[in-house]
Amino acid sequence: VGGVMALWQRCVHLGCRVPWCQPSQGFECPCHGSKYNSIGEYYAGPAPRNLDRFVVEETSAGELVIKTGSIIQTPRSLQRSVSYPQGPSCIGAIGGGE
């Protein structure tokens, strides 16, 4: 909906919460080191795919509704829409890269 995306901040590897890392401008899993860019695309670590997304709908009143019961899974992509990393990692090199 108009470029709005709702990401689930849960690592698809083992379900750990994946916080935002300001220096790298991406999401980094502190449990096993999976890394995702700013739009949830997989970059490094043991995760099998991109972060899951929720369906976003717009009501007739123009309000956005995030459908948390409707999960969109996307596979790893060889090409990323957003470069990563933008700066230093928040977790270091816990997990291996590709």
PDB file of N, CA and C in Angstrom:
ATOM      1  N   VAL A   1       0.853  -1.178   0.000  1.00  0.00           N
ATOM      2  CA  VAL A   1       0.000   0.000   0.000  1.00  0.00           C
ATOM      3  C   VAL A   1       0.892   1.232   0.000  1.00  0.00           C
ATOM      4  N   GLY A   2       1.003   1.901  -1.087  1.00  0.00           N
ATOM      5  CA  GLY A   2       1.745   3.155  -1.141  1.00  0.00           C
ATOM      6  C   GLY A   2       3.169   3.087  -0.640  1.00  0.00           C
ATOM      7  N   GLY A   3       3.838   1.966  -0.816  1.00  0.00           N
ATOM      8  CA  GLY A   3       5.221   1.836  -0.367  1.00  0.00           C
ATOM      9  C   GLY A   3       5.382   1.509   1.107  1.00  0.00           C
ATOM     10  N   VAL A   4       4.283   1.273   1.815  1.00  0.00           N
ATOM     11  CA  VAL A   4       4.350   0.925   3.236  1.00  0.00           C
ATOM     12  C   VAL A   4       4.504  -0.589   3.369  1.00  0.00           C
ATOM     13  N   MET A   5       5.428  -0.985   4.221  1.00  0.00           N
ATOM     14  CA  MET A   5       5.694  -2.402   4.449  1.00  0.00           C
ATOM     15  C   MET A   5       5.689  -2.660   5.954  1.00  0.00           C
ATOM     16  N   ALA A   6       5.115  -3.774   6.359  1.00  0.00           N
ATOM     17  CA  ALA A   6       5.107  -4.152   7.775  1.00  0.00           C
ATOM     18  C   ALA A   6       5.930  -5.423   7.936  1.00  0.00           C
ATOM     19  N   LEU A   7       7.082  -5.302   8.579  1.00  0.00           N
ATOM     20  CA  LEU A   7       7.971  -6.441   8.804  1.00  0.00           C
ATOM     21  C   LEU A   7       7.735  -7.033  10.185  1.00  0.00           C
ATOM     22  N   TRP A   8       7.846  -8.345  10.277  1.00  0.00           N
ATOM     23  CA  TRP A   8       7.798  -9.016  11.568  1.00  0.00           C
ATOM     24  C   TRP A   8       9.228  -9.064  12.074  1.00  0.00           C
ATOM     25  N   GLN A   9       9.491  -8.432  13.213  1.00  0.00           N
ATOM     26  CA  GLN A   9      10.844  -8.385  13.767  1.00  0.00           C
ATOM     27  C   GLN A   9      11.167  -9.679  14.500  1.00  0.00           C
ATOM     28  N   ARG A  10      10.982 -10.792  13.824  1.00  0.00           N
ATOM     29  CA  ARG A  10      11.304 -12.102  14.365  1.00  0.00           C
ATOM     30  C   ARG A  10      12.157 -12.821  13.330  1.00  0.00           C
ATOM     31  N   CYS A  11      13.318 -13.289  13.758  1.00  0.00           N
ATOM     32  CA  CYS A  11      14.223 -13.975  12.841  1.00  0.00           C
ATOM     33  C   CYS A  11      13.576 -15.267  12.353  1.00  0.00           C
ATOM     34  N   VAL A  12      13.672 -15.503  11.059  1.00  0.00           N
ATOM     35  CA  VAL A  12      13.073 -16.708  10.481  1.00  0.00           C
ATOM     36  C   VAL A  12      13.937 -17.945  10.726  1.00  0.00           C
ATOM     37  N   HIS A  13      15.103 -17.762  11.344  1.00  0.00           N
ATOM     38  CA  HIS A  13      15.975 -18.894  11.672  1.00  0.00           C
ATOM     39  C   HIS A  13      15.417 -19.652  12.874  1.00  0.00           C
ATOM     40  N   LEU A  14      15.381 -18.999  14.045  1.00  0.00           N
ATOM     41  CA  LEU A  14      14.879 -19.659  15.255  1.00  0.00           C
ATOM     42  C   LEU A  14      13.908 -18.800  16.059  1.00  0.00           C
ATOM     43  N   GLY A  15      13.451 -17.702  15.489  1.00  0.00           N
ATOM     44  CA  GLY A  15      12.409 -16.908  16.126  1.00  0.00           C
ATOM     45  C   GLY A  15      12.847 -15.845  17.108  1.00  0.00           C
ATOM     46  N   CYS A  16      14.124 -15.532  17.186  1.00  0.00           N
ATOM     47  CA  CYS A  16      14.584 -14.477  18.093  1.00  0.00           C
ATOM     48  C   CYS A  16      14.106 -13.112  17.592  1.00  0.00           C
ATOM     49  N   ARG A  17      13.916 -12.179  18.507  1.00  0.00           N
ATOM     50  CA  ARG A  17      13.558 -10.820  18.115  1.00  0.00           C
ATOM     51  C   ARG A  17      14.743 -10.206  17.386  1.00  0.00           C
ATOM     52  N   VAL A  18      14.463  -9.518  16.286  1.00  0.00           N
ATOM     53  CA  VAL A  18      15.510  -8.933  15.451  1.00  0.00           C
ATOM     54  C   VAL A  18      15.415  -7.409  15.542  1.00  0.00           C
ATOM     55  N   PRO A  19      16.228  -6.780  16.385  1.00  0.00           N
ATOM     56  CA  PRO A  19      16.147  -5.329  16.536  1.00  0.00           C
ATOM     57  C   PRO A  19      16.803  -4.577  15.377  1.00  0.00           C
ATOM     58  N   TRP A  20      16.410  -3.328  15.249  1.00  0.00           N
ATOM     59  CA  TRP A  20      16.992  -2.412  14.271  1.00  0.00           C
ATOM     60  C   TRP A  20      18.375  -2.004  14.749  1.00  0.00           C
ATOM     61  N   CYS A  21      19.352  -1.979  13.846  1.00  0.00           N
ATOM     62  CA  CYS A  21      20.714  -1.538  14.158  1.00  0.00           C
ATOM     63  C   CYS A  21      20.948  -0.217  13.440  1.00  0.00           C
ATOM     64  N   GLN A  22      20.975   0.850  14.185  1.00  0.00           N
ATOM     65  CA  GLN A  22      21.123   2.185  13.591  1.00  0.00           C
ATOM     66  C   GLN A  22      22.419   2.340  12.788  1.00  0.00           C
ATOM     67  N   PRO A  23      23.589   1.935  13.314  1.00  0.00           N
ATOM     68  CA  PRO A  23      24.826   2.137  12.544  1.00  0.00           C
ATOM     69  C   PRO A  23      24.834   1.434  11.184  1.00  0.00           C
ATOM     70  N   SER A  24      24.306   0.212  11.124  1.00  0.00           N
ATOM     71  CA  SER A  24      24.334  -0.530   9.859  1.00  0.00           C
ATOM     72  C   SER A  24      23.097  -0.278   9.009  1.00  0.00           C
ATOM     73  N   GLN A  25      22.082   0.353   9.607  1.00  0.00           N
ATOM     74  CA  GLN A  25      20.818   0.624   8.909  1.00  0.00           C
ATOM     75  C   GLN A  25      20.136  -0.662   8.448  1.00  0.00           C
ATOM     76  N   GLY A  26      20.153  -1.667   9.331  1.00  0.00           N
ATOM     77  CA  GLY A  26      19.512  -2.942   9.028  1.00  0.00           C
ATOM     78  C   GLY A  26      19.043  -3.621  10.300  1.00  0.00           C
ATOM     79  N   PHE A  27      18.491  -4.808  10.150  1.00  0.00           N
ATOM     80  CA  PHE A  27      18.035  -5.616  11.273  1.00  0.00           C
ATOM     81  C   PHE A  27      19.058  -6.715  11.506  1.00  0.00           C
ATOM     82  N   GLU A  28      19.428  -6.940  12.785  1.00  0.00           N
ATOM     83  CA  GLU A  28      20.455  -7.924  13.109  1.00  0.00           C
ATOM     84  C   GLU A  28      19.992  -8.810  14.261  1.00  0.00           C
ATOM     85  N   CYS A  29      20.050 -10.120  14.042  1.00  0.00           N
ATOM     86  CA  CYS A  29      19.630 -11.073  15.064  1.00  0.00           C
ATOM     87  C   CYS A  29      20.768 -11.302  16.062  1.00  0.00           C
ATOM     88  N   PRO A  30      20.542 -10.989  17.334  1.00  0.00           N
ATOM     89  CA  PRO A  30      21.589 -11.170  18.331  1.00  0.00           C
ATOM     90  C   PRO A  30      21.814 -12.633  18.721  1.00  0.00           C
ATOM     91  N   CYS A  31      20.912 -13.528  18.347  1.00  0.00           N
ATOM     92  CA  CYS A  31      21.037 -14.939  18.746  1.00  0.00           C
ATOM     93  C   CYS A  31      22.059 -15.705  17.912  1.00  0.00           C
ATOM     94  N   HIS A  32      21.948 -15.621  16.593  1.00  0.00           N
ATOM     95  CA  HIS A  32      22.842 -16.398  15.731  1.00  0.00           C
ATOM     96  C   HIS A  32      23.431 -15.595  14.583  1.00  0.00           C
ATOM     97  N   GLY A  33      23.196 -14.279  14.569  1.00  0.00           N
ATOM     98  CA  GLY A  33      23.886 -13.410  13.627  1.00  0.00           C
ATOM     99  C   GLY A  33      23.266 -13.202  12.259  1.00  0.00           C
ATOM    100  N   SER A  34      22.040 -13.629  12.034  1.00  0.00           N
ATOM    101  CA  SER A  34      21.423 -13.346  10.737  1.00  0.00           C
ATOM    102  C   SER A  34      21.244 -11.839  10.593  1.00  0.00           C
ATOM    103  N   LYS A  35      21.444 -11.361   9.369  1.00  0.00           N
ATOM    104  CA  LYS A  35      21.359  -9.923   9.112  1.00  0.00           C
ATOM    105  C   LYS A  35      20.453  -9.665   7.913  1.00  0.00           C
ATOM    106  N   TYR A  36      19.698  -8.573   8.019  1.00  0.00           N
ATOM    107  CA  TYR A  36      18.740  -8.192   6.990  1.00  0.00           C
ATOM    108  C   TYR A  36      18.880  -6.695   6.726  1.00  0.00           C
ATOM    109  N   ASN A  37      18.636  -6.286   5.494  1.00  0.00           N
ATOM    110  CA  ASN A  37      18.733  -4.860   5.198  1.00  0.00           C
ATOM    111  C   ASN A  37      17.487  -4.129   5.699  1.00  0.00           C
ATOM    112  N   SER A  38      17.371  -2.852   5.372  1.00  0.00           N
ATOM    113  CA  SER A  38      16.305  -2.016   5.929  1.00  0.00           C
ATOM    114  C   SER A  38      14.903  -2.426   5.498  1.00  0.00           C
ATOM    115  N   ILE A  39      14.777  -3.228   4.447  1.00  0.00           N
ATOM    116  CA  ILE A  39      13.448  -3.699   4.046  1.00  0.00           C
ATOM    117  C   ILE A  39      13.291  -5.204   4.283  1.00  0.00           C
ATOM    118  N   GLY A  40      14.153  -5.751   5.150  1.00  0.00           N
ATOM    119  CA  GLY A  40      14.009  -7.133   5.584  1.00  0.00           C
ATOM    120  C   GLY A  40      14.587  -8.187   4.671  1.00  0.00           C
ATOM    121  N   GLU A  41      15.375  -7.785   3.678  1.00  0.00           N
ATOM    122  CA  GLU A  41      15.993  -8.765   2.789  1.00  0.00           C
ATOM    123  C   GLU A  41      17.212  -9.381   3.463  1.00  0.00           C
ATOM    124  N   TYR A  42      17.316 -10.711   3.412  1.00  0.00           N
ATOM    125  CA  TYR A  42      18.421 -11.457   4.012  1.00  0.00           C
ATOM    126  C   TYR A  42      19.750 -10.973   3.449  1.00  0.00           C
ATOM    127  N   TYR A  43      20.742 -10.874   4.356  1.00  0.00           N
ATOM    128  CA  TYR A  43      22.087 -10.510   3.920  1.00  0.00           C
ATOM    129  C   TYR A  43      23.133 -11.536   4.354  1.00  0.00           C
ATOM    130  N   ALA A  44      23.055 -11.995   5.600  1.00  0.00           N
ATOM    131  CA  ALA A  44      24.090 -12.896   6.117  1.00  0.00           C
ATOM    132  C   ALA A  44      23.538 -13.731   7.267  1.00  0.00           C
ATOM    133  N   GLY A  45      24.263 -14.809   7.584  1.00  0.00           N
ATOM    134  CA  GLY A  45      23.904 -15.652   8.715  1.00  0.00           C
ATOM    135  C   GLY A  45      23.082 -16.864   8.309  1.00  0.00           C
ATOM    136  N   PRO A  46      22.583 -17.618   9.304  1.00  0.00           N
ATOM    137  CA  PRO A  46      21.929 -18.895   9.034  1.00  0.00           C
ATOM    138  C   PRO A  46      20.455 -18.825   8.614  1.00  0.00           C
ATOM    139  N   ALA A  47      19.851 -17.661   8.597  1.00  0.00           N
ATOM    140  CA  ALA A  47      18.426 -17.571   8.234  1.00  0.00           C
ATOM    141  C   ALA A  47      18.179 -18.110   6.824  1.00  0.00           C
ATOM    142  N   PRO A  48      17.088 -18.847   6.640  1.00  0.00           N
ATOM    143  CA  PRO A  48      16.815 -19.439   5.333  1.00  0.00           C
ATOM    144  C   PRO A  48      16.178 -18.496   4.317  1.00  0.00           C
ATOM    145  N   ARG A  49      15.689 -17.329   4.772  1.00  0.00           N
ATOM    146  CA  ARG A  49      14.988 -16.426   3.848  1.00  0.00           C
ATOM    147  C   ARG A  49      14.903 -15.023   4.449  1.00  0.00           C
ATOM    148  N   ASN A  50      14.249 -14.138   3.735  1.00  0.00           N
ATOM    149  CA  ASN A  50      14.019 -12.769   4.195  1.00  0.00           C
ATOM    150  C   ASN A  50      13.106 -12.766   5.421  1.00  0.00           C
ATOM    151  N   LEU A  51      13.056 -11.622   6.125  1.00  0.00           N
ATOM    152  CA  LEU A  51      12.109 -11.481   7.227  1.00  0.00           C
ATOM    153  C   LEU A  51      10.691 -11.606   6.684  1.00  0.00           C
ATOM    154  N   ASP A  52       9.809 -12.165   7.494  1.00  0.00           N
ATOM    155  CA  ASP A  52       8.410 -12.262   7.097  1.00  0.00           C
ATOM    156  C   ASP A  52       7.775 -10.875   7.139  1.00  0.00           C
ATOM    157  N   ARG A  53       6.755 -10.714   6.309  1.00  0.00           N
ATOM    158  CA  ARG A  53       6.021  -9.447   6.242  1.00  0.00           C
ATOM    159  C   ARG A  53       4.557  -9.721   6.541  1.00  0.00           C
ATOM    160  N   PHE A  54       3.870  -8.672   6.951  1.00  0.00           N
ATOM    161  CA  PHE A  54       2.429  -8.758   7.156  1.00  0.00           C
ATOM    162  C   PHE A  54       1.728  -8.053   6.003  1.00  0.00           C
ATOM    163  N   VAL A  55       0.521  -8.497   5.706  1.00  0.00           N
ATOM    164  CA  VAL A  55      -0.304  -7.834   4.702  1.00  0.00           C
ATOM    165  C   VAL A  55      -0.725  -6.474   5.259  1.00  0.00           C
ATOM    166  N   VAL A  56      -0.628  -5.432   4.433  1.00  0.00           N
ATOM    167  CA  VAL A  56      -1.053  -4.085   4.806  1.00  0.00           C
ATOM    168  C   VAL A  56      -2.192  -3.689   3.875  1.00  0.00           C
ATOM    169  N   GLU A  57      -3.299  -3.244   4.450  1.00  0.00           N
ATOM    170  CA  GLU A  57      -4.449  -2.807   3.660  1.00  0.00           C
ATOM    171  C   GLU A  57      -4.830  -1.391   4.060  1.00  0.00           C
ATOM    172  N   GLU A  58      -5.457  -0.693   3.124  1.00  0.00           N
ATOM    173  CA  GLU A  58      -5.938   0.662   3.394  1.00  0.00           C
ATOM    174  C   GLU A  58      -7.457   0.636   3.433  1.00  0.00           C
ATOM    175  N   THR A  59      -8.030   1.238   4.478  1.00  0.00           N
ATOM    176  CA  THR A  59      -9.485   1.289   4.592  1.00  0.00           C
ATOM    177  C   THR A  59     -10.029   2.395   3.696  1.00  0.00           C
ATOM    178  N   SER A  60     -11.340   2.428   3.532  1.00  0.00           N
ATOM    179  CA  SER A  60     -11.968   3.480   2.726  1.00  0.00           C
ATOM    180  C   SER A  60     -11.755   4.858   3.343  1.00  0.00           C
ATOM    181  N   ALA A  61     -11.459   4.896   4.642  1.00  0.00           N
ATOM    182  CA  ALA A  61     -11.185   6.160   5.335  1.00  0.00           C
ATOM    183  C   ALA A  61      -9.717   6.563   5.224  1.00  0.00           C
ATOM    184  N   GLY A  62      -8.914   5.753   4.525  1.00  0.00           N
ATOM    185  CA  GLY A  62      -7.503   6.074   4.346  1.00  0.00           C
ATOM    186  C   GLY A  62      -6.601   5.609   5.469  1.00  0.00           C
ATOM    187  N   GLU A  63      -7.125   4.826   6.402  1.00  0.00           N
ATOM    188  CA  GLU A  63      -6.307   4.303   7.495  1.00  0.00           C
ATOM    189  C   GLU A  63      -5.631   3.011   7.056  1.00  0.00           C
ATOM    190  N   LEU A  64      -4.422   2.800   7.546  1.00  0.00           N
ATOM    191  CA  LEU A  64      -3.702   1.568   7.237  1.00  0.00           C
ATOM    192  C   LEU A  64      -3.979   0.527   8.308  1.00  0.00           C
ATOM    193  N   VAL A  65      -4.219  -0.700   7.869  1.00  0.00           N
ATOM    194  CA  VAL A  65      -4.474  -1.817   8.774  1.00  0.00           C
ATOM    195  C   VAL A  65      -3.430  -2.886   8.487  1.00  0.00           C
ATOM    196  N   ILE A  66      -2.728  -3.305   9.535  1.00  0.00           N
ATOM    197  CA  ILE A  66      -1.736  -4.371   9.399  1.00  0.00           C
ATOM    198  C   ILE A  66      -2.402  -5.674   9.815  1.00  0.00           C
ATOM    199  N   LYS A  67      -2.464  -6.612   8.886  1.00  0.00           N
ATOM    200  CA  LYS A  67      -3.111  -7.903   9.113  1.00  0.00           C
ATOM    201  C   LYS A  67      -2.079  -8.879   9.680  1.00  0.00           C
ATOM    202  N   THR A  68      -1.964  -8.913  11.010  1.00  0.00           N
ATOM    203  CA  THR A  68      -0.939  -9.751  11.636  1.00  0.00           C
ATOM    204  C   THR A  68      -1.221 -11.240  11.486  1.00  0.00           C
ATOM    205  N   GLY A  69      -2.412 -11.605  11.060  1.00  0.00           N
ATOM    206  CA  GLY A  69      -2.728 -13.007  10.828  1.00  0.00           C
ATOM    207  C   GLY A  69      -2.397 -13.458   9.415  1.00  0.00           C
ATOM    208  N   SER A  70      -1.969 -12.510   8.576  1.00  0.00           N
ATOM    209  CA  SER A  70      -1.634 -12.823   7.178  1.00  0.00           C
ATOM    210  C   SER A  70      -0.154 -12.568   6.948  1.00  0.00           C
ATOM    211  N   ILE A  71       0.639 -13.637   6.981  1.00  0.00           N
ATOM    212  CA  ILE A  71       2.090 -13.517   6.847  1.00  0.00           C
ATOM    213  C   ILE A  71       2.507 -13.787   5.411  1.00  0.00           C
ATOM    214  N   ILE A  72       3.401 -12.950   4.921  1.00  0.00           N
ATOM    215  CA  ILE A  72       3.968 -13.128   3.590  1.00  0.00           C
ATOM    216  C   ILE A  72       5.412 -13.579   3.772  1.00  0.00           C
ATOM    217  N   GLN A  73       5.751 -14.762   3.256  1.00  0.00           N
ATOM    218  CA  GLN A  73       7.128 -15.247   3.303  1.00  0.00           C
ATOM    219  C   GLN A  73       7.769 -14.984   1.953  1.00  0.00           C
ATOM    220  N   THR A  74       8.993 -14.474   1.980  1.00  0.00           N
ATOM    221  CA  THR A  74       9.714 -14.252   0.728  1.00  0.00           C
ATOM    222  C   THR A  74      11.054 -14.974   0.798  1.00  0.00           C
ATOM    223  N   PRO A  75      11.488 -15.586  -0.296  1.00  0.00           N
ATOM    224  CA  PRO A  75      12.751 -16.333  -0.298  1.00  0.00           C
ATOM    225  C   PRO A  75      13.951 -15.396  -0.276  1.00  0.00           C
ATOM    226  N   ARG A  76      15.112 -15.967  -0.015  1.00  0.00           N
ATOM    227  CA  ARG A  76      16.355 -15.206  -0.145  1.00  0.00           C
ATOM    228  C   ARG A  76      16.449 -14.730  -1.582  1.00  0.00           C
ATOM    229  N   SER A  77      17.005 -13.569  -1.744  1.00  0.00           N
ATOM    230  CA  SER A  77      17.179 -13.032  -3.088  1.00  0.00           C
ATOM    231  C   SER A  77      18.655 -12.796  -3.333  1.00  0.00           C
ATOM    232  N   LEU A  78      19.116 -13.110  -4.525  1.00  0.00           N
ATOM    233  CA  LEU A  78      20.514 -12.853  -4.851  1.00  0.00           C
ATOM    234  C   LEU A  78      20.762 -11.367  -5.053  1.00  0.00           C
ATOM    235  N   GLN A  79      19.736 -10.653  -5.496  1.00  0.00           N
ATOM    236  CA  GLN A  79      19.846  -9.206  -5.654  1.00  0.00           C
ATOM    237  C   GLN A  79      19.061  -8.552  -4.533  1.00  0.00           C
ATOM    238  N   ARG A  80      19.636  -7.528  -3.931  1.00  0.00           N
ATOM    239  CA  ARG A  80      18.958  -6.817  -2.870  1.00  0.00           C
ATOM    240  C   ARG A  80      18.542  -5.437  -3.357  1.00  0.00           C
ATOM    241  N   SER A  81      17.388  -4.988  -2.899  1.00  0.00           N
ATOM    242  CA  SER A  81      16.867  -3.682  -3.286  1.00  0.00           C
ATOM    243  C   SER A  81      17.611  -2.548  -2.598  1.00  0.00           C
ATOM    244  N   VAL A  82      18.128  -2.824  -1.398  1.00  0.00           N
ATOM    245  CA  VAL A  82      18.828  -1.821  -0.601  1.00  0.00           C
ATOM    246  C   VAL A  82      20.187  -2.395  -0.231  1.00  0.00           C
ATOM    247  N   SER A  83      21.249  -1.612  -0.426  1.00  0.00           N
ATOM    248  CA  SER A  83      22.594  -2.087  -0.082  1.00  0.00           C
ATOM    249  C   SER A  83      22.717  -2.310   1.417  1.00  0.00           C
ATOM    250  N   TYR A  84      23.576  -3.255   1.785  1.00  0.00           N
ATOM    251  CA  TYR A  84      23.789  -3.560   3.191  1.00  0.00           C
ATOM    252  C   TYR A  84      25.191  -4.108   3.330  1.00  0.00           C
ATOM    253  N   PRO A  85      25.908  -3.795   4.339  1.00  0.00           N
ATOM    254  CA  PRO A  85      25.575  -2.876   5.414  1.00  0.00           C
ATOM    255  C   PRO A  85      25.917  -1.437   5.036  1.00  0.00           C
ATOM    256  N   GLN A  86      25.329  -0.515   5.751  1.00  0.00           N
ATOM    257  CA  GLN A  86      25.597   0.903   5.549  1.00  0.00           C
ATOM    258  C   GLN A  86      26.696   1.398   6.484  1.00  0.00           C
ATOM    259  N   GLY A  87      26.946   0.666   7.555  1.00  0.00           N
ATOM    260  CA  GLY A  87      27.941   1.058   8.550  1.00  0.00           C
ATOM    261  C   GLY A  87      28.272  -0.141   9.421  1.00  0.00           C
ATOM    262  N   PRO A  88      28.897   0.086  10.579  1.00  0.00           N
ATOM    263  CA  PRO A  88      29.307  -1.018  11.446  1.00  0.00           C
ATOM    264  C   PRO A  88      28.123  -1.823  11.984  1.00  0.00           C
ATOM    265  N   SER A  89      28.366  -3.090  12.211  1.00  0.00           N
ATOM    266  CA  SER A  89      27.357  -3.994  12.753  1.00  0.00           C
ATOM    267  C   SER A  89      27.161  -3.743  14.243  1.00  0.00           C
ATOM    268  N   CYS A  90      25.975  -4.024  14.729  1.00  0.00           N
ATOM    269  CA  CYS A  90      25.699  -3.922  16.164  1.00  0.00           C
ATOM    270  C   CYS A  90      26.063  -5.206  16.904  1.00  0.00           C
ATOM    271  N   ILE A  91      26.169  -6.332  16.181  1.00  0.00           N
ATOM    272  CA  ILE A  91      26.418  -7.616  16.841  1.00  0.00           C
ATOM    273  C   ILE A  91      27.759  -8.229  16.483  1.00  0.00           C
ATOM    274  N   GLY A  92      28.495  -7.638  15.586  1.00  0.00           N
ATOM    275  CA  GLY A  92      29.770  -8.206  15.185  1.00  0.00           C
ATOM    276  C   GLY A  92      29.572  -9.377  14.249  1.00  0.00           C
ATOM    277  N   ALA A  93      30.473 -10.315  14.274  1.00  0.00           N
ATOM    278  CA  ALA A  93      30.443 -11.448  13.346  1.00  0.00           C
ATOM    279  C   ALA A  93      30.029 -12.727  14.057  1.00  0.00           C
ATOM    280  N   ILE A  94      28.845 -12.728  14.669  1.00  0.00           N
ATOM    281  CA  ILE A  94      28.368 -13.920  15.373  1.00  0.00           C
ATOM    282  C   ILE A  94      28.096 -15.041  14.384  1.00  0.00           C
ATOM    283  N   GLY A  95      27.276 -14.735  13.384  1.00  0.00           N
ATOM    284  CA  GLY A  95      26.902 -15.741  12.394  1.00  0.00           C
ATOM    285  C   GLY A  95      27.765 -15.615  11.168  1.00  0.00           C
ATOM    286  N   GLY A  96      27.871 -16.675  10.424  1.00  0.00           N
ATOM    287  CA  GLY A  96      28.641 -16.655   9.193  1.00  0.00           C
ATOM    288  C   GLY A  96      27.900 -15.938   8.093  1.00  0.00           C
ATOM    289  N   GLY A  97      28.602 -15.516   7.084  1.00  0.00           N
ATOM    290  CA  GLY A  97      27.980 -14.878   5.932  1.00  0.00           C
ATOM    291  C   GLY A  97      27.889 -15.844   4.790  1.00  0.00           C
ATOM    292  N   GLU A  98      27.476 -15.318   3.648  1.00  0.00           N
ATOM    293  CA  GLU A  98      27.394 -16.160   2.457  1.00  0.00           C
ATOM    294  C   GLU A  98      28.754 -16.285   1.837  1.00  0.00           C
TER     295      GLU A  98
END
